[in-house]
């Protein structure tokens, strides 16, 4: 049984007239009659009583027509959905990020994307940085956000630089280093670094370790907090110092000093798999490029 058999039967069932159905289908009437005979031979019952004028559906034909109508409707819906997905108006997009990184262009891009493509199922996930690469490789997510240094040795990944952020040192105003204009990272080898304890921000501590290794020392870690508010409160109380990307800074605390460092800026990138042919991903990247370009002073 082929799809045309069902469409031909539905046309006859609707008009109860072979000539009119053939005209609507743009086929010859003898060809239409042969197709209906083939359908009846295949299902083993008569669906059309040809001994009346106009022709009538048999009891089996009426039951068959009810199911065929539903089936053809589902097929039409499926075809429309596929066409809409191919045009990028339907589909699914999974974006993964570590939202403590404070990327304004991401929520701005999401707002515009949802306005332009309201029927696309947009899912936001949060994964540690070290898990995002695997998720991209395995096709579990379409887009992640990673520091550029995480992209070495991954030639199958493409990226768009989203932001370059300086590393800022936060310490109490009474701290001896607070009198400097810029602090060298090597000057912090005896300091206690405060940090967040959370699976999704494990990469924050890893980033501190990496920066300190470049300055030829291993960092000492002090108290940990489960919230950013708690971490800054610990710094204001003299329990240690904080090193964070500038774009993640909260409103300034009067008891803290915010200082420039000699650390290499953090380059954060939107990352996707080169083999991912998702149309929603392509549309989202088009929108994000506009926001990134506007942030950087040009498109």
Protein backbone atom coordinates (compact mmCIF):
# COMPACT_ATOMS: atom_id res chain seq x y z
CA UNK A 1 0.00 0.00 0.00
CA UNK A 2 1.36 3.38 -1.00
CA UNK A 3 0.49 6.88 0.12
CA UNK A 4 -1.13 7.68 -3.23
CA UNK A 5 -3.63 4.85 -2.68
CA UNK A 6 -4.79 6.52 0.51
CA UNK A 7 -5.00 9.97 -1.07
CA UNK A 8 -6.95 8.60 -4.04
CA UNK A 9 -9.36 6.79 -1.75
CA UNK A 10 -9.85 9.93 0.37
CA UNK A 11 -10.67 11.97 -2.73
CA UNK A 12 -13.32 9.46 -3.85
CA UNK A 13 -14.71 9.19 -0.30
CA UNK A 14 -15.07 12.96 -0.16
CA UNK A 15 -16.77 13.47 -3.56
CA UNK A 16 -18.46 10.05 -3.97
CA UNK A 17 -17.75 10.57 -7.66
CA UNK A 18 -14.85 9.00 -9.58
CA UNK A 19 -14.88 11.63 -12.35
CA UNK A 20 -14.82 14.58 -9.96
CA UNK A 21 -12.18 12.92 -7.74
CA UNK A 22 -9.98 12.24 -10.79
CA UNK A 23 -10.34 15.86 -11.87
CA UNK A 24 -9.37 17.12 -8.39
CA UNK A 25 -6.36 14.79 -8.36
CA UNK A 26 -5.35 15.67 -11.94
CA UNK A 27 -5.30 12.01 -13.00
CA UNK A 28 -7.30 10.04 -15.57
CA UNK A 29 -10.43 8.36 -14.26
CA UNK A 30 -9.42 4.84 -15.43
CA UNK A 31 -6.09 5.23 -13.58
CA UNK A 32 -7.92 6.32 -10.44
CA UNK A 33 -10.28 3.32 -10.67
CA UNK A 34 -7.30 0.95 -11.02
CA UNK A 35 -5.64 2.44 -7.93
CA UNK A 36 -8.79 1.96 -5.85
CA UNK A 37 -9.04 -1.66 -7.07
CA UNK A 38 -5.42 -2.24 -6.07
CA UNK A 39 -6.16 -0.80 -2.63
CA UNK A 40 -9.18 -3.07 -2.15
CA UNK A 41 -7.21 -6.11 -3.32
CA UNK A 42 -4.45 -5.33 -0.81
CA UNK A 43 -6.69 -4.81 2.23
CA UNK A 44 -9.00 -7.65 1.18
CA UNK A 45 -12.35 -5.83 1.42
CA UNK A 46 -14.49 -3.58 -0.77
CA UNK A 47 -14.45 0.01 0.43
CA UNK A 48 -16.61 1.53 -2.31
CA UNK A 49 -20.04 0.29 -3.47
CA UNK A 50 -20.10 1.07 -7.20
CA UNK A 51 -23.70 -0.12 -7.72
CA UNK A 52 -25.19 3.21 -6.70
CA UNK A 53 -25.22 6.66 -8.27
CA UNK A 54 -23.47 8.42 -6.72
CA UNK A 55 -21.20 5.69 -5.44
CA UNK A 56 -21.34 4.92 -1.72
CA UNK A 57 -18.84 3.84 0.91
CA UNK A 58 -19.34 0.38 2.31
CA UNK A 59 -19.40 -0.10 6.09
CA UNK A 60 -15.74 -1.13 5.86
CA UNK A 61 -15.09 1.92 3.67
CA UNK A 62 -16.59 4.32 6.20
CA UNK A 63 -14.43 2.86 8.97
CA UNK A 64 -11.38 2.95 6.71
CA UNK A 65 -12.11 6.56 5.70
CA UNK A 66 -12.18 7.73 9.33
CA UNK A 67 -8.72 6.30 9.99
CA UNK A 68 -7.29 7.41 6.64
CA UNK A 69 -8.42 10.99 7.29
CA UNK A 70 -6.53 11.03 10.60
CA UNK A 71 -3.47 9.44 9.01
CA UNK A 72 -3.34 11.91 6.13
CA UNK A 73 -3.73 14.79 8.56
CA UNK A 74 -0.76 13.52 10.58
CA UNK A 75 1.29 13.16 7.41
CA UNK A 76 0.47 16.72 6.37
CA UNK A 77 1.44 17.96 9.84
CA UNK A 78 4.72 16.01 9.64
CA UNK A 79 5.53 17.43 6.20
CA UNK A 80 4.80 20.97 7.36
CA UNK A 81 6.92 20.48 10.49
CA UNK A 82 9.83 19.18 8.40
CA UNK A 83 9.56 22.13 6.02
CA UNK A 84 9.41 24.60 8.90
CA UNK A 85 12.41 22.96 10.56
CA UNK A 86 14.37 23.15 7.30
CA UNK A 87 13.64 26.88 7.16
CA UNK A 88 14.75 27.24 10.78
CA UNK A 89 11.31 28.13 12.16
CA UNK A 90 10.85 24.89 14.10
CA UNK A 91 13.17 22.48 15.84
CA UNK A 92 15.21 22.28 19.02
CA UNK A 93 18.29 24.08 20.27
CA UNK A 94 20.24 23.16 23.42
CA UNK A 95 22.53 25.87 24.80
CA UNK A 96 24.85 25.11 27.67
CA UNK A 97 26.75 27.60 29.76
CA UNK A 98 28.34 28.35 33.08
CA UNK A 99 26.22 31.36 33.83
CA UNK A 100 28.49 32.76 36.55
CA UNK A 101 30.69 33.96 33.69
CA UNK A 102 28.32 36.91 33.25
CA UNK A 103 27.83 36.96 29.48
CA UNK A 104 25.37 39.74 28.72
CA UNK A 105 25.38 38.96 25.00
CA UNK A 106 23.96 35.49 25.71
CA UNK A 107 20.65 36.48 27.36
CA UNK A 108 20.33 39.36 24.89
CA UNK A 109 20.75 36.92 22.00
CA UNK A 110 18.29 34.48 23.57
CA UNK A 111 15.63 37.21 23.89
CA UNK A 112 15.98 38.14 20.22
CA UNK A 113 16.07 34.50 19.12
CA UNK A 114 12.84 33.67 20.96
CA UNK A 115 11.13 36.68 19.39
CA UNK A 116 12.21 35.65 15.89
CA UNK A 117 11.66 31.90 16.29
CA UNK A 118 8.99 31.35 18.96
CA UNK A 119 8.24 27.78 17.85
CA UNK A 120 11.79 26.50 18.35
CA UNK A 121 12.21 24.53 21.58
CA UNK A 122 15.10 26.35 23.28
CA UNK A 123 16.61 24.48 26.23
CA UNK A 124 19.16 26.05 28.58
CA UNK A 125 21.45 23.79 30.56
CA UNK A 126 24.28 24.36 33.00
CA UNK A 127 27.33 22.10 32.90
CA UNK A 128 30.86 22.45 34.24
CA UNK A 129 33.30 23.62 31.59
CA UNK A 130 35.12 20.30 31.50
CA UNK A 131 31.87 18.45 30.63
CA UNK A 132 30.79 20.76 27.82
CA UNK A 133 33.41 19.51 25.35
CA UNK A 134 32.19 15.91 25.75
CA UNK A 135 28.57 17.04 25.40
CA UNK A 136 29.44 18.83 22.15
CA UNK A 137 31.30 15.80 20.80
CA UNK A 138 28.39 13.49 21.63
CA UNK A 139 25.72 15.80 20.21
CA UNK A 140 23.99 16.28 23.56
CA UNK A 141 24.16 20.08 23.23
CA UNK A 142 24.40 22.42 20.25
CA UNK A 143 26.29 25.31 21.80
CA UNK A 144 28.58 25.77 24.79
CA UNK A 145 30.73 28.55 26.24
CA UNK A 146 34.38 27.90 27.02
CA UNK A 147 37.62 29.82 27.56
CA UNK A 148 39.75 29.62 24.43
CA UNK A 149 42.48 27.72 26.30
CA UNK A 150 40.03 24.78 26.64
CA UNK A 151 39.77 24.47 22.86
CA UNK A 152 43.31 23.31 22.13
CA UNK A 153 43.47 19.84 20.56
CA UNK A 154 39.79 19.94 19.55
CA UNK A 155 39.95 20.51 15.80
CA UNK A 156 36.34 19.43 15.29
CA UNK A 157 35.07 22.40 17.31
CA UNK A 158 34.48 25.87 15.93
CA UNK A 159 34.18 28.97 18.04
CA UNK A 160 33.22 32.62 18.12
CA UNK A 161 35.01 34.85 20.62
CA UNK A 162 32.27 36.41 22.72
CA UNK A 163 34.17 38.46 25.26
CA UNK A 164 37.68 39.30 26.45
CA UNK A 165 37.72 40.11 30.14
CA UNK A 166 40.55 41.35 32.35
CA UNK A 167 41.18 39.57 35.65
CA UNK A 168 40.49 41.81 38.65
CA UNK A 169 41.90 41.38 42.12
CA UNK A 170 39.48 42.05 44.98
CA UNK A 171 40.91 42.56 48.47
CA UNK A 172 40.19 44.53 51.66
CA UNK A 173 40.92 48.26 51.49
CA UNK A 174 43.37 47.87 54.41
CA UNK A 175 45.41 45.21 52.61
CA UNK A 176 49.07 46.25 51.99
CA UNK A 177 48.69 45.62 48.23
CA UNK A 178 45.68 47.95 48.07
CA UNK A 179 48.01 50.93 47.69
CA UNK A 180 49.34 49.71 44.33
CA UNK A 181 47.91 50.68 40.95
CA UNK A 182 48.40 47.23 39.43
CA UNK A 183 49.18 43.98 41.22
CA UNK A 184 51.44 41.33 39.72
CA UNK A 185 50.10 37.84 40.16
CA UNK A 186 53.44 36.67 41.54
CA UNK A 187 52.92 39.07 44.45
CA UNK A 188 49.97 36.90 45.54
CA UNK A 189 51.93 33.68 46.14
CA UNK A 190 51.49 33.99 49.92
CA UNK A 191 47.84 35.07 49.76
CA UNK A 192 44.82 32.85 50.37
CA UNK A 193 42.45 32.71 47.40
CA UNK A 194 38.76 32.53 48.25
CA UNK A 195 36.55 30.46 45.97
CA UNK A 196 33.08 29.06 45.35
CA UNK A 197 32.38 25.40 46.18
CA UNK A 198 29.98 24.12 43.55
CA UNK A 199 30.17 21.43 40.83
CA UNK A 200 29.18 23.89 38.11
CA UNK A 201 31.91 26.39 39.01
CA UNK A 202 34.72 23.91 39.51
CA UNK A 203 36.39 25.53 36.47
CA UNK A 204 36.68 28.80 38.43
CA UNK A 205 39.13 27.24 40.85
CA UNK A 206 40.87 25.46 37.95
CA UNK A 207 41.31 28.80 36.19
CA UNK A 208 43.02 30.28 39.28
CA UNK A 209 45.38 27.32 39.39
CA UNK A 210 46.22 27.75 35.70
CA UNK A 211 46.91 31.47 36.06
CA UNK A 212 49.17 30.93 39.06
CA UNK A 213 51.10 28.19 37.30
CA UNK A 214 51.89 30.65 34.52
CA UNK A 215 53.35 32.89 37.25
CA UNK A 216 55.40 29.89 38.49
CA UNK A 217 53.68 29.17 41.79
CA UNK A 218 50.86 27.06 43.18
CA UNK A 219 48.03 29.04 44.77
CA UNK A 220 47.02 28.71 48.41
CA UNK A 221 43.27 28.42 48.84
CA UNK A 222 41.47 29.74 51.86
CA UNK A 223 37.86 29.54 52.95
CA UNK A 224 35.22 28.51 50.48
CA UNK A 225 31.65 29.73 50.09
CA UNK A 226 28.57 28.35 48.41
CA UNK A 227 27.50 31.81 47.16
CA UNK A 228 29.20 34.77 45.57
CA UNK A 229 27.78 37.04 48.23
CA UNK A 230 29.42 34.87 50.88
CA UNK A 231 32.75 34.89 49.06
CA UNK A 232 32.84 38.70 48.89
CA UNK A 233 31.80 38.93 52.54
CA UNK A 234 34.77 36.71 53.44
CA UNK A 235 37.09 38.99 51.47
CA UNK A 236 35.70 42.09 53.22
CA UNK A 237 36.33 40.34 56.55
CA UNK A 238 40.00 39.79 55.71
CA UNK A 239 39.92 36.03 55.10
CA UNK A 240 41.62 36.23 51.71
CA UNK A 241 41.61 37.71 48.21
CA UNK A 242 39.45 37.11 45.14
CA UNK A 243 40.56 36.93 41.51
CA UNK A 244 37.68 37.19 39.05
CA UNK A 245 36.98 38.22 35.44
CA UNK A 246 35.95 41.85 35.29
CA UNK A 247 32.66 41.09 33.56
CA UNK A 248 31.48 39.00 36.53
CA UNK A 249 31.98 41.68 39.20
CA UNK A 250 28.92 42.46 41.37
CA UNK A 251 28.17 46.01 42.61
CA UNK A 252 31.21 47.35 44.44
CA UNK A 253 31.52 46.80 48.18
CA UNK A 254 32.77 49.83 50.16
CA UNK A 255 35.13 47.68 52.23
CA UNK A 256 36.87 46.20 49.19
CA UNK A 257 39.41 47.45 46.67
CA UNK A 258 39.20 46.39 43.02
CA UNK A 259 42.57 46.32 41.26
CA UNK A 260 44.03 45.60 37.84
CA UNK A 261 46.44 42.66 37.47
CA UNK A 262 49.04 41.49 34.98
CA UNK A 263 47.06 38.29 34.23
CA UNK A 264 46.39 37.35 30.64
CA UNK A 265 42.77 38.33 29.87
CA UNK A 266 40.17 35.60 29.76
CA UNK A 267 38.93 34.99 26.20
CA UNK A 268 35.53 33.35 26.35
CA UNK A 269 34.09 31.72 23.24
CA UNK A 270 30.80 30.33 22.00
CA UNK A 271 31.68 26.79 20.84
CA UNK A 272 29.92 24.30 18.58
CA UNK A 273 30.66 21.09 16.69
CA UNK A 274 31.72 21.68 13.09
CA UNK A 275 29.54 18.75 11.97
CA UNK A 276 26.40 20.11 13.62
CA UNK A 277 24.13 21.12 10.73
CA UNK A 278 21.30 22.36 12.97
CA UNK A 279 19.40 25.21 11.33
CA UNK A 280 18.33 26.64 14.75
CA UNK A 281 22.02 26.73 15.73
CA UNK A 282 22.86 28.62 12.55
CA UNK A 283 20.09 31.14 13.21
CA UNK A 284 21.19 31.65 16.83
CA UNK A 285 24.80 32.22 15.81
CA UNK A 286 23.66 34.83 13.28
CA UNK A 287 21.89 36.72 16.05
CA UNK A 288 24.79 36.33 18.50
CA UNK A 289 27.32 37.62 15.96
CA UNK A 290 25.31 40.83 15.70
CA UNK A 291 25.34 41.30 19.48
CA UNK A 292 29.03 40.48 19.72
CA UNK A 293 29.78 42.89 16.91
CA UNK A 294 27.77 45.65 18.58
CA UNK A 295 29.63 45.05 21.85
CA UNK A 296 32.99 45.22 20.11
CA UNK A 297 32.08 48.36 18.18
CA UNK A 298 31.36 46.87 14.80
CA UNK A 299 29.47 44.10 13.03
